[in-house]
Amino acid sequence: RAEGDVEWQKKVIRCMD
């Protein structure tokens, strides 16, 4: 599950930002 992780990380980074 690498593609899904990328989407999740992007969402987390946006929320953290």
Protein backbone atom coordinates (compact mmCIF):
# COMPACT_ATOMS: atom_id res chain seq x y z
CA ARG A 1 0.00 0.00 0.00
CA ALA A 2 2.38 2.78 -1.16
CA GLU A 3 -0.02 4.88 -3.24
CA GLY A 4 -2.54 5.02 -0.39
CA ASP A 5 0.23 6.00 2.04
CA VAL A 6 1.22 8.90 -0.23
CA GLU A 7 -2.34 10.24 -0.24
CA TRP A 8 -2.60 9.86 3.54
CA GLN A 9 0.76 11.55 4.11
CA LYS A 10 -0.28 14.44 1.85
CA LYS A 11 -3.49 14.87 3.85
CA VAL A 12 -1.62 14.69 7.16
CA ILE A 13 0.95 17.24 5.99
CA ARG A 14 -1.86 19.60 4.92
CA CYS A 15 -3.64 19.18 8.28
CA MET A 16 -0.37 19.69 10.18
CA ASP A 17 0.44 22.73 8.04
